[in-house]
Amino acid sequence: MSKTYAPLASDAQCKRFTALVKTSLAEIRLLPEEDLVSRHDWLLALSEPPCNVSGLWKRGPDDYGGEILRREMAKQNQRLEALTKGLFWLTVVIAVLTAVLVVIELGWLRPIIGH
């Protein structure tokens, strides 16, 4: 027994729904973030599909949400990488300054500078 769908709210709504669920993952990855979020929110707001869409590959809010999550994780990875590089260079500076302080404290510079 096939599922029946509610009467069409509008032809435009059905066309939009069809376009959204038939969008390939490659196309989803190319969408601007604002459009991606808009499509995700629109699909989530539906209580039920406005029309029946045939085809094997149907996209839903999870696919759009997954892409939003993937992009956010990529941004966080970039920030974490920048933080890690910053901490590395801070560690290098601290190590160099520590070595200079040890040289000064042990008096190894006295013969060189003549004091």
PDB file of N, CA and C in Angstrom:
ATOM      1  N   MET A   1       0.844  -1.173   0.000  1.00  0.00           N
ATOM      2  CA  MET A   1       0.000   0.000   0.000  1.00  0.00           C
ATOM      3  C   MET A   1       0.892   1.240   0.000  1.00  0.00           C
ATOM      4  N   SER A   2       0.707   2.103  -0.978  1.00  0.00           N
ATOM      5  CA  SER A   2       1.556   3.283  -1.071  1.00  0.00           C
ATOM      6  C   SER A   2       1.009   4.399  -0.198  1.00  0.00           C
ATOM      7  N   LYS A   3       1.935   5.234   0.234  1.00  0.00           N
ATOM      8  CA  LYS A   3       1.561   6.352   1.096  1.00  0.00           C
ATOM      9  C   LYS A   3       0.888   7.420   0.252  1.00  0.00           C
ATOM     10  N   THR A   4      -0.170   7.991   0.765  1.00  0.00           N
ATOM     11  CA  THR A   4      -0.829   9.083   0.063  1.00  0.00           C
ATOM     12  C   THR A   4      -0.354  10.392   0.661  1.00  0.00           C
ATOM     13  N   TYR A   5      -0.265  11.381  -0.168  1.00  0.00           N
ATOM     14  CA  TYR A   5       0.218  12.684   0.259  1.00  0.00           C
ATOM     15  C   TYR A   5      -0.929  13.670   0.295  1.00  0.00           C
ATOM     16  N   ALA A   6      -0.752  14.677   1.104  1.00  0.00           N
ATOM     17  CA  ALA A   6      -1.773  15.714   1.236  1.00  0.00           C
ATOM     18  C   ALA A   6      -1.942  16.428  -0.099  1.00  0.00           C
ATOM     19  N   PRO A   7      -3.095  17.012  -0.312  1.00  0.00           N
ATOM     20  CA  PRO A   7      -3.296  17.774  -1.553  1.00  0.00           C
ATOM     21  C   PRO A   7      -2.217  18.850  -1.665  1.00  0.00           C
ATOM     22  N   LEU A   8      -1.845  19.125  -2.878  1.00  0.00           N
ATOM     23  CA  LEU A   8      -0.781  20.097  -3.105  1.00  0.00           C
ATOM     24  C   LEU A   8      -1.139  21.455  -2.525  1.00  0.00           C
ATOM     25  N   ALA A   9      -0.220  21.999  -1.753  1.00  0.00           N
ATOM     26  CA  ALA A   9      -0.422  23.342  -1.236  1.00  0.00           C
ATOM     27  C   ALA A   9      -0.321  24.327  -2.397  1.00  0.00           C
ATOM     28  N   SER A  10       0.646  24.096  -3.239  1.00  0.00           N
ATOM     29  CA  SER A  10       0.779  24.903  -4.452  1.00  0.00           C
ATOM     30  C   SER A  10       1.726  24.173  -5.394  1.00  0.00           C
ATOM     31  N   ASP A  11       1.591  24.473  -6.652  1.00  0.00           N
ATOM     32  CA  ASP A  11       2.464  23.868  -7.651  1.00  0.00           C
ATOM     33  C   ASP A  11       3.908  24.330  -7.430  1.00  0.00           C
ATOM     34  N   ALA A  12       4.069  25.583  -7.031  1.00  0.00           N
ATOM     35  CA  ALA A  12       5.415  26.128  -6.789  1.00  0.00           C
ATOM     36  C   ALA A  12       6.074  25.405  -5.626  1.00  0.00           C
ATOM     37  N   GLN A  13       5.307  25.100  -4.592  1.00  0.00           N
ATOM     38  CA  GLN A  13       5.863  24.398  -3.436  1.00  0.00           C
ATOM     39  C   GLN A  13       6.293  22.984  -3.830  1.00  0.00           C
ATOM     40  N   CYS A  14       5.507  22.329  -4.651  1.00  0.00           N
ATOM     41  CA  CYS A  14       5.852  20.994  -5.118  1.00  0.00           C
ATOM     42  C   CYS A  14       7.107  21.031  -5.997  1.00  0.00           C
ATOM     43  N   LYS A  15       7.197  22.026  -6.868  1.00  0.00           N
ATOM     44  CA  LYS A  15       8.380  22.159  -7.716  1.00  0.00           C
ATOM     45  C   LYS A  15       9.630  22.409  -6.878  1.00  0.00           C
ATOM     46  N   ARG A  16       9.502  23.261  -5.856  1.00  0.00           N
ATOM     47  CA  ARG A  16      10.658  23.541  -4.999  1.00  0.00           C
ATOM     48  C   ARG A  16      11.074  22.277  -4.250  1.00  0.00           C
ATOM     49  N   PHE A  17      10.091  21.570  -3.713  1.00  0.00           N
ATOM     50  CA  PHE A  17      10.386  20.338  -2.984  1.00  0.00           C
ATOM     51  C   PHE A  17      11.083  19.336  -3.901  1.00  0.00           C
ATOM     52  N   THR A  18      10.564  19.172  -5.106  1.00  0.00           N
ATOM     53  CA  THR A  18      11.160  18.238  -6.067  1.00  0.00           C
ATOM     54  C   THR A  18      12.597  18.630  -6.386  1.00  0.00           C
ATOM     55  N   ALA A  19      12.826  19.913  -6.595  1.00  0.00           N
ATOM     56  CA  ALA A  19      14.184  20.378  -6.900  1.00  0.00           C
ATOM     57  C   ALA A  19      15.125  20.111  -5.723  1.00  0.00           C
ATOM     58  N   LEU A  20      14.648  20.322  -4.509  1.00  0.00           N
ATOM     59  CA  LEU A  20      15.502  20.133  -3.335  1.00  0.00           C
ATOM     60  C   LEU A  20      15.858  18.672  -3.109  1.00  0.00           C
ATOM     61  N   VAL A  21      14.887  17.792  -3.255  1.00  0.00           N
ATOM     62  CA  VAL A  21      15.168  16.380  -2.968  1.00  0.00           C
ATOM     63  C   VAL A  21      15.908  15.685  -4.107  1.00  0.00           C
ATOM     64  N   LYS A  22      15.924  16.296  -5.270  1.00  0.00           N
ATOM     65  CA  LYS A  22      16.656  15.708  -6.394  1.00  0.00           C
ATOM     66  C   LYS A  22      18.023  16.360  -6.606  1.00  0.00           C
ATOM     67  N   THR A  23      18.424  17.245  -5.712  1.00  0.00           N
ATOM     68  CA  THR A  23      19.733  17.876  -5.801  1.00  0.00           C
ATOM     69  C   THR A  23      20.799  16.849  -5.440  1.00  0.00           C
ATOM     70  N   SER A  24      21.837  16.776  -6.240  1.00  0.00           N
ATOM     71  CA  SER A  24      22.908  15.816  -5.952  1.00  0.00           C
ATOM     72  C   SER A  24      23.767  16.329  -4.791  1.00  0.00           C
ATOM     73  N   LEU A  25      24.474  15.407  -4.167  1.00  0.00           N
ATOM     74  CA  LEU A  25      25.360  15.800  -3.075  1.00  0.00           C
ATOM     75  C   LEU A  25      26.463  16.731  -3.578  1.00  0.00           C
ATOM     76  N   ALA A  26      26.925  16.506  -4.795  1.00  0.00           N
ATOM     77  CA  ALA A  26      27.949  17.392  -5.368  1.00  0.00           C
ATOM     78  C   ALA A  26      27.408  18.816  -5.498  1.00  0.00           C
ATOM     79  N   GLU A  27      26.155  18.948  -5.902  1.00  0.00           N
ATOM     80  CA  GLU A  27      25.538  20.276  -6.015  1.00  0.00           C
ATOM     81  C   GLU A  27      25.337  20.897  -4.641  1.00  0.00           C
ATOM     82  N   ILE A  28      24.964  20.075  -3.674  1.00  0.00           N
ATOM     83  CA  ILE A  28      24.773  20.574  -2.311  1.00  0.00           C
ATOM     84  C   ILE A  28      26.079  21.154  -1.780  1.00  0.00           C
ATOM     85  N   ARG A  29      27.201  20.491  -2.068  1.00  0.00           N
ATOM     86  CA  ARG A  29      28.504  20.967  -1.579  1.00  0.00           C
ATOM     87  C   ARG A  29      28.899  22.298  -2.194  1.00  0.00           C
ATOM     88  N   LEU A  30      28.366  22.615  -3.372  1.00  0.00           N
ATOM     89  CA  LEU A  30      28.709  23.863  -4.047  1.00  0.00           C
ATOM     90  C   LEU A  30      27.808  25.031  -3.664  1.00  0.00           C
ATOM     91  N   LEU A  31      26.740  24.774  -2.925  1.00  0.00           N
ATOM     92  CA  LEU A  31      25.793  25.834  -2.566  1.00  0.00           C
ATOM     93  C   LEU A  31      26.422  26.839  -1.615  1.00  0.00           C
ATOM     94  N   PRO A  32      26.075  28.115  -1.771  1.00  0.00           N
ATOM     95  CA  PRO A  32      26.499  29.099  -0.777  1.00  0.00           C
ATOM     96  C   PRO A  32      25.858  28.759   0.571  1.00  0.00           C
ATOM     97  N   GLU A  33      26.514  29.130   1.650  1.00  0.00           N
ATOM     98  CA  GLU A  33      26.039  28.740   2.976  1.00  0.00           C
ATOM     99  C   GLU A  33      24.619  29.232   3.257  1.00  0.00           C
ATOM    100  N   GLU A  34      24.303  30.451   2.838  1.00  0.00           N
ATOM    101  CA  GLU A  34      22.966  31.006   3.087  1.00  0.00           C
ATOM    102  C   GLU A  34      21.889  30.168   2.393  1.00  0.00           C
ATOM    103  N   ASP A  35      22.146  29.769   1.154  1.00  0.00           N
ATOM    104  CA  ASP A  35      21.201  28.946   0.403  1.00  0.00           C
ATOM    105  C   ASP A  35      21.070  27.560   1.025  1.00  0.00           C
ATOM    106  N   LEU A  36      22.183  27.014   1.452  1.00  0.00           N
ATOM    107  CA  LEU A  36      22.189  25.697   2.090  1.00  0.00           C
ATOM    108  C   LEU A  36      21.323  25.692   3.347  1.00  0.00           C
ATOM    109  N   VAL A  37      21.518  26.692   4.190  1.00  0.00           N
ATOM    110  CA  VAL A  37      20.740  26.791   5.427  1.00  0.00           C
ATOM    111  C   VAL A  37      19.268  27.025   5.121  1.00  0.00           C
ATOM    112  N   SER A  38      18.998  27.861   4.130  1.00  0.00           N
ATOM    113  CA  SER A  38      17.608  28.134   3.739  1.00  0.00           C
ATOM    114  C   SER A  38      16.901  26.854   3.281  1.00  0.00           C
ATOM    115  N   ARG A  39      17.566  26.060   2.456  1.00  0.00           N
ATOM    116  CA  ARG A  39      16.979  24.801   1.977  1.00  0.00           C
ATOM    117  C   ARG A  39      16.760  23.822   3.133  1.00  0.00           C
ATOM    118  N   HIS A  40      17.752  23.729   4.014  1.00  0.00           N
ATOM    119  CA  HIS A  40      17.646  22.841   5.169  1.00  0.00           C
ATOM    120  C   HIS A  40      16.443  23.235   6.032  1.00  0.00           C
ATOM    121  N   ASP A  41      16.345  24.515   6.342  1.00  0.00           N
ATOM    122  CA  ASP A  41      15.237  24.998   7.181  1.00  0.00           C
ATOM    123  C   ASP A  41      13.885  24.783   6.510  1.00  0.00           C
ATOM    124  N   TRP A  42      13.829  25.002   5.193  1.00  0.00           N
ATOM    125  CA  TRP A  42      12.568  24.828   4.480  1.00  0.00           C
ATOM    126  C   TRP A  42      12.119  23.374   4.545  1.00  0.00           C
ATOM    127  N   LEU A  43      13.050  22.441   4.335  1.00  0.00           N
ATOM    128  CA  LEU A  43      12.694  21.018   4.396  1.00  0.00           C
ATOM    129  C   LEU A  43      12.287  20.608   5.808  1.00  0.00           C
ATOM    130  N   LEU A  44      12.956  21.159   6.815  1.00  0.00           N
ATOM    131  CA  LEU A  44      12.598  20.819   8.200  1.00  0.00           C
ATOM    132  C   LEU A  44      11.215  21.338   8.576  1.00  0.00           C
ATOM    133  N   ALA A  45      10.827  22.453   7.973  1.00  0.00           N
ATOM    134  CA  ALA A  45       9.535  23.057   8.317  1.00  0.00           C
ATOM    135  C   ALA A  45       8.349  22.273   7.754  1.00  0.00           C
ATOM    136  N   LEU A  46       8.600  21.398   6.794  1.00  0.00           N
ATOM    137  CA  LEU A  46       7.505  20.621   6.213  1.00  0.00           C
ATOM    138  C   LEU A  46       7.038  19.551   7.201  1.00  0.00           C
ATOM    139  N   SER A  47       5.745  19.482   7.409  1.00  0.00           N
ATOM    140  CA  SER A  47       5.220  18.414   8.263  1.00  0.00           C
ATOM    141  C   SER A  47       5.110  17.112   7.466  1.00  0.00           C
ATOM    142  N   GLU A  48       4.925  17.243   6.167  1.00  0.00           N
ATOM    143  CA  GLU A  48       4.910  16.090   5.259  1.00  0.00           C
ATOM    144  C   GLU A  48       5.237  16.586   3.857  1.00  0.00           C
ATOM    145  N   PRO A  49       5.711  15.706   3.002  1.00  0.00           N
ATOM    146  CA  PRO A  49       6.057  16.137   1.635  1.00  0.00           C
ATOM    147  C   PRO A  49       4.834  16.699   0.909  1.00  0.00           C
ATOM    148  N   PRO A  50       4.997  17.798   0.198  1.00  0.00           N
ATOM    149  CA  PRO A  50       3.858  18.393  -0.514  1.00  0.00           C
ATOM    150  C   PRO A  50       3.451  17.604  -1.746  1.00  0.00           C
ATOM    151  N   CYS A  51       4.322  16.704  -2.223  1.00  0.00           N
ATOM    152  CA  CYS A  51       3.985  15.890  -3.383  1.00  0.00           C
ATOM    153  C   CYS A  51       4.888  14.660  -3.394  1.00  0.00           C
ATOM    154  N   ASN A  52       4.513  13.696  -4.192  1.00  0.00           N
ATOM    155  CA  ASN A  52       5.294  12.467  -4.306  1.00  0.00           C
ATOM    156  C   ASN A  52       6.366  12.675  -5.373  1.00  0.00           C
ATOM    157  N   VAL A  53       7.590  12.337  -5.019  1.00  0.00           N
ATOM    158  CA  VAL A  53       8.706  12.485  -5.956  1.00  0.00           C
ATOM    159  C   VAL A  53       9.247  11.099  -6.244  1.00  0.00           C
ATOM    160  N   SER A  54       9.304  10.776  -7.528  1.00  0.00           N
ATOM    161  CA  SER A  54       9.848   9.465  -7.884  1.00  0.00           C
ATOM    162  C   SER A  54      11.344   9.582  -8.117  1.00  0.00           C
ATOM    163  N   GLY A  55      12.014   8.481  -7.979  1.00  0.00           N
ATOM    164  CA  GLY A  55      13.459   8.474  -8.184  1.00  0.00           C
ATOM    165  C   GLY A  55      14.149   7.801  -7.020  1.00  0.00           C
ATOM    166  N   LEU A  56      15.316   7.273  -7.294  1.00  0.00           N
ATOM    167  CA  LEU A  56      16.041   6.539  -6.260  1.00  0.00           C
ATOM    168  C   LEU A  56      16.750   7.448  -5.270  1.00  0.00           C
ATOM    169  N   TRP A  57      17.319   8.541  -5.744  1.00  0.00           N
ATOM    170  CA  TRP A  57      18.158   9.375  -4.886  1.00  0.00           C
ATOM    171  C   TRP A  57      17.378  10.597  -4.442  1.00  0.00           C
ATOM    172  N   LYS A  58      16.890  10.537  -3.230  1.00  0.00           N
ATOM    173  CA  LYS A  58      16.144  11.662  -2.677  1.00  0.00           C
ATOM    174  C   LYS A  58      16.941  12.258  -1.530  1.00  0.00           C
ATOM    175  N   ARG A  59      17.090  13.556  -1.532  1.00  0.00           N
ATOM    176  CA  ARG A  59      17.791  14.269  -0.478  1.00  0.00           C
ATOM    177  C   ARG A  59      16.775  14.821   0.508  1.00  0.00           C
ATOM    178  N   GLY A  60      17.167  14.836   1.751  1.00  0.00           N
ATOM    179  CA  GLY A  60      16.290  15.368   2.776  1.00  0.00           C
ATOM    180  C   GLY A  60      17.052  16.318   3.672  1.00  0.00           C
ATOM    181  N   PRO A  61      16.419  16.742   4.757  1.00  0.00           N
ATOM    182  CA  PRO A  61      17.071  17.681   5.665  1.00  0.00           C
ATOM    183  C   PRO A  61      18.394  17.137   6.220  1.00  0.00           C
ATOM    184  N   ASP A  62      18.491  15.828   6.386  1.00  0.00           N
ATOM    185  CA  ASP A  62      19.737  15.250   6.916  1.00  0.00           C
ATOM    186  C   ASP A  62      20.913  15.477   5.977  1.00  0.00           C
ATOM    187  N   ASP A  63      20.666  15.411   4.677  1.00  0.00           N
ATOM    188  CA  ASP A  63      21.745  15.645   3.716  1.00  0.00           C
ATOM    189  C   ASP A  63      22.220  17.098   3.762  1.00  0.00           C
ATOM    190  N   TYR A  64      21.257  18.017   3.824  1.00  0.00           N
ATOM    191  CA  TYR A  64      21.615  19.431   3.904  1.00  0.00           C
ATOM    192  C   TYR A  64      22.259  19.734   5.266  1.00  0.00           C
ATOM    193  N   GLY A  65      21.711  19.159   6.325  1.00  0.00           N
ATOM    194  CA  GLY A  65      22.284  19.341   7.660  1.00  0.00           C
ATOM    195  C   GLY A  65      23.685  18.759   7.751  1.00  0.00           C
ATOM    196  N   GLY A  66      23.897  17.622   7.096  1.00  0.00           N
ATOM    197  CA  GLY A  66      25.214  17.007   7.076  1.00  0.00           C
ATOM    198  C   GLY A  66      26.246  17.897   6.408  1.00  0.00           C
ATOM    199  N   GLU A  67      25.857  18.560   5.351  1.00  0.00           N
ATOM    200  CA  GLU A  67      26.776  19.479   4.669  1.00  0.00           C
ATOM    201  C   GLU A  67      27.063  20.705   5.533  1.00  0.00           C
ATOM    202  N   ILE A  68      26.051  21.199   6.224  1.00  0.00           N
ATOM    203  CA  ILE A  68      26.269  22.327   7.146  1.00  0.00           C
ATOM    204  C   ILE A  68      27.266  21.908   8.221  1.00  0.00           C
ATOM    205  N   LEU A  69      27.083  20.724   8.774  1.00  0.00           N
ATOM    206  CA  LEU A  69      27.980  20.212   9.808  1.00  0.00           C
ATOM    207  C   LEU A  69      29.394  20.016   9.254  1.00  0.00           C
ATOM    208  N   ARG A  70      29.516  19.477   8.047  1.00  0.00           N
ATOM    209  CA  ARG A  70      30.827  19.269   7.432  1.00  0.00           C
ATOM    210  C   ARG A  70      31.570  20.590   7.268  1.00  0.00           C
ATOM    211  N   ARG A  71      30.850  21.623   6.825  1.00  0.00           N
ATOM    212  CA  ARG A  71      31.479  22.935   6.643  1.00  0.00           C
ATOM    213  C   ARG A  71      31.917  23.522   7.985  1.00  0.00           C
ATOM    214  N   GLU A  72      31.071  23.384   8.991  1.00  0.00           N
ATOM    215  CA  GLU A  72      31.417  23.915  10.316  1.00  0.00           C
ATOM    216  C   GLU A  72      32.631  23.185  10.881  1.00  0.00           C
ATOM    217  N   MET A  73      32.690  21.882  10.685  1.00  0.00           N
ATOM    218  CA  MET A  73      33.850  21.121  11.157  1.00  0.00           C
ATOM    219  C   MET A  73      35.117  21.550  10.421  1.00  0.00           C
ATOM    220  N   ALA A  74      35.009  21.838   9.134  1.00  0.00           N
ATOM    221  CA  ALA A  74      36.172  22.295   8.370  1.00  0.00           C
ATOM    222  C   ALA A  74      36.666  23.637   8.902  1.00  0.00           C
ATOM    223  N   LYS A  75      35.729  24.532   9.234  1.00  0.00           N
ATOM    224  CA  LYS A  75      36.114  25.823   9.815  1.00  0.00           C
ATOM    225  C   LYS A  75      36.797  25.625  11.162  1.00  0.00           C
ATOM    226  N   GLN A  76      36.252  24.757  11.994  1.00  0.00           N
ATOM    227  CA  GLN A  76      36.846  24.495  13.294  1.00  0.00           C
ATOM    228  C   GLN A  76      38.228  23.863  13.149  1.00  0.00           C
ATOM    229  N   ASN A  77      38.393  22.985  12.172  1.00  0.00           N
ATOM    230  CA  ASN A  77      39.706  22.380  11.925  1.00  0.00           C
ATOM    231  C   ASN A  77      40.730  23.427  11.521  1.00  0.00           C
ATOM    232  N   GLN A  78      40.323  24.388  10.690  1.00  0.00           N
ATOM    233  CA  GLN A  78      41.229  25.462  10.288  1.00  0.00           C
ATOM    234  C   GLN A  78      41.625  26.306  11.496  1.00  0.00           C
ATOM    235  N   ARG A  79      40.658  26.626  12.358  1.00  0.00           N
ATOM    236  CA  ARG A  79      40.966  27.413  13.555  1.00  0.00           C
ATOM    237  C   ARG A  79      41.895  26.643  14.483  1.00  0.00           C
ATOM    238  N   LEU A  80      41.645  25.349  14.638  1.00  0.00           N
ATOM    239  CA  LEU A  80      42.483  24.527  15.495  1.00  0.00           C
ATOM    240  C   LEU A  80      43.899  24.420  14.937  1.00  0.00           C
ATOM    241  N   GLU A  81      44.016  24.304  13.630  1.00  0.00           N
ATOM    242  CA  GLU A  81      45.333  24.242  13.004  1.00  0.00           C
ATOM    243  C   GLU A  81      46.093  25.548  13.223  1.00  0.00           C
ATOM    244  N   ALA A  82      45.412  26.678  13.081  1.00  0.00           N
ATOM    245  CA  ALA A  82      46.051  27.972  13.309  1.00  0.00           C
ATOM    246  C   ALA A  82      46.480  28.105  14.772  1.00  0.00           C
ATOM    247  N   LEU A  83      45.632  27.654  15.696  1.00  0.00           N
ATOM    248  CA  LEU A  83      45.970  27.693  17.114  1.00  0.00           C
ATOM    249  C   LEU A  83      47.184  26.817  17.402  1.00  0.00           C
ATOM    250  N   THR A  84      47.222  25.633  16.808  1.00  0.00           N
ATOM    251  CA  THR A  84      48.344  24.717  17.005  1.00  0.00           C
ATOM    252  C   THR A  84      49.642  25.333  16.495  1.00  0.00           C
ATOM    253  N   LYS A  85      49.597  25.973  15.327  1.00  0.00           N
ATOM    254  CA  LYS A  85      50.796  26.633  14.789  1.00  0.00           C
ATOM    255  C   LYS A  85      51.234  27.773  15.708  1.00  0.00           C
ATOM    256  N   GLY A  86      50.274  28.528  16.201  1.00  0.00           N
ATOM    257  CA  GLY A  86      50.597  29.615  17.127  1.00  0.00           C
ATOM    258  C   GLY A  86      51.243  29.095  18.400  1.00  0.00           C
ATOM    259  N   LEU A  87      50.712  28.019  18.934  1.00  0.00           N
ATOM    260  CA  LEU A  87      51.290  27.423  20.146  1.00  0.00           C
ATOM    261  C   LEU A  87      52.683  26.862  19.886  1.00  0.00           C
ATOM    262  N   PHE A  88      52.899  26.304  18.704  1.00  0.00           N
ATOM    263  CA  PHE A  88      54.225  25.798  18.351  1.00  0.00           C
ATOM    264  C   PHE A  88      55.243  26.934  18.380  1.00  0.00           C
ATOM    265  N   TRP A  89      54.917  28.045  17.713  1.00  0.00           N
ATOM    266  CA  TRP A  89      55.871  29.154  17.666  1.00  0.00           C
ATOM    267  C   TRP A  89      56.055  29.794  19.033  1.00  0.00           C
ATOM    268  N   LEU A  90      55.014  29.834  19.834  1.00  0.00           N
ATOM    269  CA  LEU A  90      55.149  30.336  21.201  1.00  0.00           C
ATOM    270  C   LEU A  90      56.095  29.449  21.997  1.00  0.00           C
ATOM    271  N   THR A  91      55.978  28.151  21.817  1.00  0.00           N
ATOM    272  CA  THR A  91      56.874  27.200  22.488  1.00  0.00           C
ATOM    273  C   THR A  91      58.319  27.403  22.038  1.00  0.00           C
ATOM    274  N   VAL A  92      58.518  27.625  20.748  1.00  0.00           N
ATOM    275  CA  VAL A  92      59.865  27.869  20.229  1.00  0.00           C
ATOM    276  C   VAL A  92      60.450  29.133  20.858  1.00  0.00           C
ATOM    277  N   VAL A  93      59.676  30.196  20.925  1.00  0.00           N
ATOM    278  CA  VAL A  93      60.152  31.448  21.522  1.00  0.00           C
ATOM    279  C   VAL A  93      60.492  31.241  22.992  1.00  0.00           C
ATOM    280  N   ILE A  94      59.651  30.553  23.720  1.00  0.00           N
ATOM    281  CA  ILE A  94      59.917  30.289  25.141  1.00  0.00           C
ATOM    282  C   ILE A  94      61.191  29.465  25.300  1.00  0.00           C
ATOM    283  N   ALA A  95      61.386  28.460  24.445  1.00  0.00           N
ATOM    284  CA  ALA A  95      62.595  27.632  24.528  1.00  0.00           C
ATOM    285  C   ALA A  95      63.846  28.456  24.254  1.00  0.00           C
ATOM    286  N   VAL A  96      63.808  29.317  23.253  1.00  0.00           N
ATOM    287  CA  VAL A  96      64.964  30.161  22.929  1.00  0.00           C
ATOM    288  C   VAL A  96      65.253  31.123  24.075  1.00  0.00           C
ATOM    289  N   LEU A  97      64.221  31.759  24.596  1.00  0.00           N
ATOM    290  CA  LEU A  97      64.421  32.692  25.711  1.00  0.00           C
ATOM    291  C   LEU A  97      64.928  31.973  26.961  1.00  0.00           C
ATOM    292  N   THR A  98      64.457  30.760  27.188  1.00  0.00           N
ATOM    293  CA  THR A  98      64.948  29.964  28.318  1.00  0.00           C
ATOM    294  C   THR A  98      66.428  29.650  28.136  1.00  0.00           C
ATOM    295  N   ALA A  99      66.821  29.278  26.937  1.00  0.00           N
ATOM    296  CA  ALA A  99      68.225  28.981  26.658  1.00  0.00           C
ATOM    297  C   ALA A  99      69.086  30.230  26.863  1.00  0.00           C
ATOM    298  N   VAL A 100      68.620  31.377  26.418  1.00  0.00           N
ATOM    299  CA  VAL A 100      69.350  32.632  26.619  1.00  0.00           C
ATOM    300  C   VAL A 100      69.474  32.934  28.105  1.00  0.00           C
ATOM    301  N   LEU A 101      68.414  32.746  28.852  1.00  0.00           N
ATOM    302  CA  LEU A 101      68.445  32.988  30.296  1.00  0.00           C
ATOM    303  C   LEU A 101      69.427  32.048  30.992  1.00  0.00           C
ATOM    304  N   VAL A 102      69.464  30.798  30.601  1.00  0.00           N
ATOM    305  CA  VAL A 102      70.403  29.827  31.178  1.00  0.00           C
ATOM    306  C   VAL A 102      71.833  30.253  30.886  1.00  0.00           C
ATOM    307  N   VAL A 103      72.103  30.679  29.659  1.00  0.00           N
ATOM    308  CA  VAL A 103      73.445  31.129  29.280  1.00  0.00           C
ATOM    309  C   VAL A 103      73.845  32.344  30.126  1.00  0.00           C
ATOM    310  N   ILE A 104      72.934  33.276  30.290  1.00  0.00           N
ATOM    311  CA  ILE A 104      73.221  34.472  31.093  1.00  0.00           C
ATOM    312  C   ILE A 104      73.451  34.101  32.554  1.00  0.00           C
ATOM    313  N   GLU A 105      72.576  33.268  33.122  1.00  0.00           N
ATOM    314  CA  GLU A 105      72.674  32.887  34.530  1.00  0.00           C
ATOM    315  C   GLU A 105      73.940  32.086  34.828  1.00  0.00           C
ATOM    316  N   LEU A 106      74.366  31.256  33.927  1.00  0.00           N
ATOM    317  CA  LEU A 106      75.573  30.453  34.151  1.00  0.00           C
ATOM    318  C   LEU A 106      76.850  31.219  33.864  1.00  0.00           C
ATOM    319  N   GLY A 107      76.712  32.413  33.367  1.00  0.00           N
ATOM    320  CA  GLY A 107      77.857  33.252  33.122  1.00  0.00           C
ATOM    321  C   GLY A 107      78.675  32.871  31.909  1.00  0.00           C
ATOM    322  N   TRP A 108      78.125  32.162  31.008  1.00  0.00           N
ATOM    323  CA  TRP A 108      78.848  31.749  29.828  1.00  0.00           C
ATOM    324  C   TRP A 108      79.136  32.915  28.882  1.00  0.00           C
ATOM    325  N   LEU A 109      78.436  34.025  29.049  1.00  0.00           N
ATOM    326  CA  LEU A 109      78.657  35.169  28.185  1.00  0.00           C
ATOM    327  C   LEU A 109      79.780  36.072  28.693  1.00  0.00           C
ATOM    328  N   ARG A 110      80.174  35.940  29.954  1.00  0.00           N
ATOM    329  CA  ARG A 110      81.185  36.830  30.536  1.00  0.00           C
ATOM    330  C   ARG A 110      82.495  36.787  29.747  1.00  0.00           C
ATOM    331  N   PRO A 111      83.008  35.595  29.400  1.00  0.00           N
ATOM    332  CA  PRO A 111      84.255  35.591  28.625  1.00  0.00           C
ATOM    333  C   PRO A 111      84.091  36.227  27.249  1.00  0.00           C
ATOM    334  N   ILE A 112      82.918  36.151  26.699  1.00  0.00           N
ATOM    335  CA  ILE A 112      82.683  36.665  25.348  1.00  0.00           C
ATOM    336  C   ILE A 112      82.567  38.187  25.371  1.00  0.00           C
ATOM    337  N   ILE A 113      81.833  38.738  26.348  1.00  0.00           N
ATOM    338  CA  ILE A 113      81.613  40.200  26.381  1.00  0.00           C
ATOM    339  C   ILE A 113      82.646  40.909  27.234  1.00  0.00           C
ATOM    340  N   GLY A 114      83.490  40.187  27.956  1.00  0.00           N
ATOM    341  CA  GLY A 114      84.578  40.780  28.710  1.00  0.00           C
ATOM    342  C   GLY A 114      84.214  41.348  30.064  1.00  0.00           C
ATOM    343  N   HIS A 115      83.200  40.901  30.739  1.00  0.00           N
ATOM    344  CA  HIS A 115      82.824  41.386  32.083  1.00  0.00           C
ATOM    345  C   HIS A 115      83.187  40.416  33.129  1.00  0.00           C
TER     346      HIS A 115
END
